[in-house]
Amino acid sequence: MSLSVGTTFAPVEFEVTRQALVRYAGASGDFNQIHYNDTAAMAAGLPGVIAHGMLTLALANQALCRWLGSATAVIELTNRFTSMVTVPGAGSATVTVTGAVTRSADDEAEIELSVTAGGREVLGASVARVRYPAP
């Protein structure tokens, strides 16, 4: 795989359901009610149940690792949480991830990720530093 500047990967979509939030809560230990209870979420001033921020970041990393063909190629992943992923009681929210190589030198590259949900950027300044070929 060539990681030259300007190389992009096609959008990857993830469907986030309430069931996925429950599973993530169990795996992470984050049982904050805003992630599964509409009443608690609205009492906190939210529009409804929201996905865990770290789940959203994990989905971005998963899309990147799939594209690179390796779970060990990512050296560093930084981002800013810029918006929430609201997850309806019925159905799902779609998180879309894509990326573009912005720097490439020797055996490392920098990839800027775009992570959106509901037409809004949910992770900003999301940049991965990767090693290639993957170890």
C-alpha atoms as a PDB file:
ATOM      1  CA  MET A   1       0.000   0.000   0.000  1.00  0.00           C
ATOM      2  CA  SER A   2       1.258   3.453  -0.883  1.00  0.00           C
ATOM      3  CA  LEU A   3       0.743   6.119   1.733  1.00  0.00           C
ATOM      4  CA  SER A   4       1.679   9.117  -0.362  1.00  0.00           C
ATOM      5  CA  VAL A   5       0.269  12.548   0.442  1.00  0.00           C
ATOM      6  CA  GLY A   6      -3.276  12.863  -0.881  1.00  0.00           C
ATOM      7  CA  THR A   7      -4.093   9.144  -0.683  1.00  0.00           C
ATOM      8  CA  THR A   8      -7.573   8.689   0.801  1.00  0.00           C
ATOM      9  CA  PHE A   9      -9.670   5.824   2.012  1.00  0.00           C
ATOM     10  CA  ALA A  10     -13.315   5.374   1.133  1.00  0.00           C
ATOM     11  CA  PRO A  11     -15.902   6.227   3.787  1.00  0.00           C
ATOM     12  CA  VAL A  12     -16.610   3.492   6.322  1.00  0.00           C
ATOM     13  CA  GLU A  13     -20.013   3.563   8.011  1.00  0.00           C
ATOM     14  CA  PHE A  14     -20.829   2.185  11.446  1.00  0.00           C
ATOM     15  CA  GLU A  15     -24.372   1.802  12.747  1.00  0.00           C
ATOM     16  CA  VAL A  16     -24.540   2.632  16.455  1.00  0.00           C
ATOM     17  CA  THR A  17     -27.565   1.219  18.277  1.00  0.00           C
ATOM     18  CA  ARG A  18     -28.658   1.354  21.899  1.00  0.00           C
ATOM     19  CA  GLN A  19     -27.627  -2.302  22.130  1.00  0.00           C
ATOM     20  CA  ALA A  20     -24.091  -1.313  21.041  1.00  0.00           C
ATOM     21  CA  LEU A  21     -24.041   1.334  23.787  1.00  0.00           C
ATOM     22  CA  VAL A  22     -24.977  -1.265  26.410  1.00  0.00           C
ATOM     23  CA  ARG A  23     -22.236  -3.579  25.166  1.00  0.00           C
ATOM     24  CA  TYR A  24     -19.694  -0.769  25.205  1.00  0.00           C
ATOM     25  CA  ALA A  25     -20.758   0.255  28.717  1.00  0.00           C
ATOM     26  CA  GLY A  26     -20.135  -3.303  29.888  1.00  0.00           C
ATOM     27  CA  ALA A  27     -16.739  -3.466  28.220  1.00  0.00           C
ATOM     28  CA  SER A  28     -15.601  -0.016  29.381  1.00  0.00           C
ATOM     29  CA  GLY A  29     -17.279   0.160  32.773  1.00  0.00           C
ATOM     30  CA  ASP A  30     -18.859   3.508  31.830  1.00  0.00           C
ATOM     31  CA  PHE A  31     -22.459   3.129  32.987  1.00  0.00           C
ATOM     32  CA  ASN A  32     -23.336   6.827  32.983  1.00  0.00           C
ATOM     33  CA  GLN A  33     -27.107   6.956  32.406  1.00  0.00           C
ATOM     34  CA  ILE A  34     -26.793   9.511  29.588  1.00  0.00           C
ATOM     35  CA  HIS A  35     -25.671   6.574  27.435  1.00  0.00           C
ATOM     36  CA  TYR A  36     -28.848   4.506  27.885  1.00  0.00           C
ATOM     37  CA  ASN A  37     -31.613   6.474  29.616  1.00  0.00           C
ATOM     38  CA  ASP A  38     -33.474   9.242  27.734  1.00  0.00           C
ATOM     39  CA  THR A  39     -34.824  10.831  30.921  1.00  0.00           C
ATOM     40  CA  ALA A  40     -31.356  11.066  32.476  1.00  0.00           C
ATOM     41  CA  ALA A  41     -29.855  12.358  29.214  1.00  0.00           C
ATOM     42  CA  MET A  42     -32.487  15.088  28.859  1.00  0.00           C
ATOM     43  CA  ALA A  43     -32.155  16.038  32.539  1.00  0.00           C
ATOM     44  CA  ALA A  44     -28.461  16.605  31.790  1.00  0.00           C
ATOM     45  CA  GLY A  45     -29.421  19.003  28.996  1.00  0.00           C
ATOM     46  CA  LEU A  46     -28.792  16.569  26.146  1.00  0.00           C
ATOM     47  CA  PRO A  47     -31.151  15.964  23.211  1.00  0.00           C
ATOM     48  CA  GLY A  48     -31.371  12.279  24.169  1.00  0.00           C
ATOM     49  CA  VAL A  49     -29.098   9.301  24.696  1.00  0.00           C
ATOM     50  CA  ILE A  50     -25.596   9.866  23.319  1.00  0.00           C
ATOM     51  CA  ALA A  51     -22.830   7.465  22.371  1.00  0.00           C
ATOM     52  CA  HIS A  52     -19.726   7.274  24.517  1.00  0.00           C
ATOM     53  CA  GLY A  53     -17.067   9.588  23.114  1.00  0.00           C
ATOM     54  CA  MET A  54     -14.446   6.884  23.405  1.00  0.00           C
ATOM     55  CA  LEU A  55     -16.684   4.503  21.435  1.00  0.00           C
ATOM     56  CA  THR A  56     -16.773   7.053  18.629  1.00  0.00           C
ATOM     57  CA  LEU A  57     -12.988   7.345  18.746  1.00  0.00           C
ATOM     58  CA  ALA A  58     -12.665   3.551  18.729  1.00  0.00           C
ATOM     59  CA  LEU A  59     -14.807   3.377  15.570  1.00  0.00           C
ATOM     60  CA  ALA A  60     -12.503   5.894  13.878  1.00  0.00           C
ATOM     61  CA  ASN A  61      -9.498   3.790  14.844  1.00  0.00           C
ATOM     62  CA  GLN A  62     -11.229   0.613  13.621  1.00  0.00           C
ATOM     63  CA  ALA A  63     -11.879   2.158  10.191  1.00  0.00           C
ATOM     64  CA  LEU A  64      -8.251   3.261   9.968  1.00  0.00           C
ATOM     65  CA  CYS A  65      -6.907  -0.163  10.999  1.00  0.00           C
ATOM     66  CA  ARG A  66      -9.133  -1.899   8.433  1.00  0.00           C
ATOM     67  CA  TRP A  67      -7.794   0.373   5.687  1.00  0.00           C
ATOM     68  CA  LEU A  68      -4.187  -0.168   6.770  1.00  0.00           C
ATOM     69  CA  GLY A  69      -4.763  -3.911   7.133  1.00  0.00           C
ATOM     70  CA  SER A  70      -3.198  -3.929  10.576  1.00  0.00           C
ATOM     71  CA  ALA A  71      -4.267  -3.338  14.147  1.00  0.00           C
ATOM     72  CA  THR A  72      -0.689  -2.481  15.119  1.00  0.00           C
ATOM     73  CA  ALA A  73       0.162   0.214  12.558  1.00  0.00           C
ATOM     74  CA  VAL A  74      -1.335   3.123  14.511  1.00  0.00           C
ATOM     75  CA  ILE A  75       1.334   4.754  16.672  1.00  0.00           C
ATOM     76  CA  GLU A  76      -0.695   7.717  17.896  1.00  0.00           C
ATOM     77  CA  LEU A  77      -4.259   8.959  17.480  1.00  0.00           C
ATOM     78  CA  THR A  78      -5.261  12.413  18.655  1.00  0.00           C
ATOM     79  CA  ASN A  79      -8.576  14.202  18.424  1.00  0.00           C
ATOM     80  CA  ARG A  80     -10.983  16.677  19.938  1.00  0.00           C
ATOM     81  CA  PHE A  81     -14.585  15.751  20.704  1.00  0.00           C
ATOM     82  CA  THR A  82     -16.593  18.386  18.816  1.00  0.00           C
ATOM     83  CA  SER A  83     -20.169  17.076  18.827  1.00  0.00           C
ATOM     84  CA  MET A  84     -22.263  14.217  20.179  1.00  0.00           C
ATOM     85  CA  VAL A  85     -23.625  11.140  18.451  1.00  0.00           C
ATOM     86  CA  THR A  86     -27.296  11.009  19.444  1.00  0.00           C
ATOM     87  CA  VAL A  87     -28.618   7.439  19.327  1.00  0.00           C
ATOM     88  CA  PRO A  88     -32.387   7.009  18.875  1.00  0.00           C
ATOM     89  CA  GLY A  89     -34.366   4.465  20.888  1.00  0.00           C
ATOM     90  CA  ALA A  90     -35.391   2.678  17.698  1.00  0.00           C
ATOM     91  CA  GLY A  91     -32.993   2.349  14.798  1.00  0.00           C
ATOM     92  CA  SER A  92     -29.452   3.639  14.875  1.00  0.00           C
ATOM     93  CA  ALA A  93     -27.102   6.550  14.355  1.00  0.00           C
ATOM     94  CA  THR A  94     -24.578   6.333  11.524  1.00  0.00           C
ATOM     95  CA  VAL A  95     -20.976   7.280  12.177  1.00  0.00           C
ATOM     96  CA  THR A  96     -18.963   7.812   8.973  1.00  0.00           C
ATOM     97  CA  VAL A  97     -15.171   7.757   8.909  1.00  0.00           C
ATOM     98  CA  THR A  98     -12.803   8.626   6.087  1.00  0.00           C
ATOM     99  CA  GLY A  99      -9.244   9.856   5.948  1.00  0.00           C
ATOM    100  CA  ALA A 100      -6.466  11.344   3.857  1.00  0.00           C
ATOM    101  CA  VAL A 101      -2.689  11.134   4.108  1.00  0.00           C
ATOM    102  CA  THR A 102      -1.344  14.608   4.875  1.00  0.00           C
ATOM    103  CA  ARG A 103       2.309  13.757   5.486  1.00  0.00           C
ATOM    104  CA  SER A 104       4.490  10.843   4.478  1.00  0.00           C
ATOM    105  CA  ALA A 105       8.163  10.270   5.230  1.00  0.00           C
ATOM    106  CA  ASP A 106      10.371   7.226   5.616  1.00  0.00           C
ATOM    107  CA  ASP A 107       8.247   4.542   7.282  1.00  0.00           C
ATOM    108  CA  GLU A 108       5.642   6.826   8.886  1.00  0.00           C
ATOM    109  CA  ALA A 109       2.649   8.789   7.673  1.00  0.00           C
ATOM    110  CA  GLU A 110       0.138  11.201   9.142  1.00  0.00           C
ATOM    111  CA  ILE A 111      -3.522  10.678   8.290  1.00  0.00           C
ATOM    112  CA  GLU A 112      -6.214  13.258   8.939  1.00  0.00           C
ATOM    113  CA  LEU A 113      -9.539  11.599   9.740  1.00  0.00           C
ATOM    114  CA  SER A 114     -13.008  12.946   9.133  1.00  0.00           C
ATOM    115  CA  VAL A 115     -15.591  11.527  11.539  1.00  0.00           C
ATOM    116  CA  THR A 116     -19.214  12.598  11.151  1.00  0.00           C
ATOM    117  CA  ALA A 117     -22.691  11.640  12.354  1.00  0.00           C
ATOM    118  CA  GLY A 118     -25.955  13.214  11.299  1.00  0.00           C
ATOM    119  CA  GLY A 119     -24.109  15.523   8.926  1.00  0.00           C
ATOM    120  CA  ARG A 120     -21.979  16.981  11.752  1.00  0.00           C
ATOM    121  CA  GLU A 121     -18.309  16.555  12.528  1.00  0.00           C
ATOM    122  CA  VAL A 122     -18.140  14.645  15.833  1.00  0.00           C
ATOM    123  CA  LEU A 123     -14.363  14.359  16.137  1.00  0.00           C
ATOM    124  CA  GLY A 124     -12.260  17.357  15.212  1.00  0.00           C
ATOM    125  CA  ALA A 125      -8.514  17.674  14.741  1.00  0.00           C
ATOM    126  CA  SER A 126      -8.450  13.897  14.433  1.00  0.00           C
ATOM    127  CA  VAL A 127      -4.982  12.884  13.267  1.00  0.00           C
ATOM    128  CA  ALA A 128      -3.290   9.497  13.265  1.00  0.00           C
ATOM    129  CA  ARG A 129       0.399   8.826  13.023  1.00  0.00           C
ATOM    130  CA  VAL A 130       0.997   5.398  11.491  1.00  0.00           C
ATOM    131  CA  ARG A 131       3.926   3.148  10.666  1.00  0.00           C
ATOM    132  CA  TYR A 132       4.074   1.319   7.355  1.00  0.00           C
ATOM    133  CA  PRO A 133       4.443  -1.245   6.182  1.00  0.00           C
ATOM    134  CA  ALA A 134       2.558  -2.369   9.234  1.00  0.00           C
ATOM    135  CA  PRO A 135       4.652  -4.283  11.793  1.00  0.00           C
END
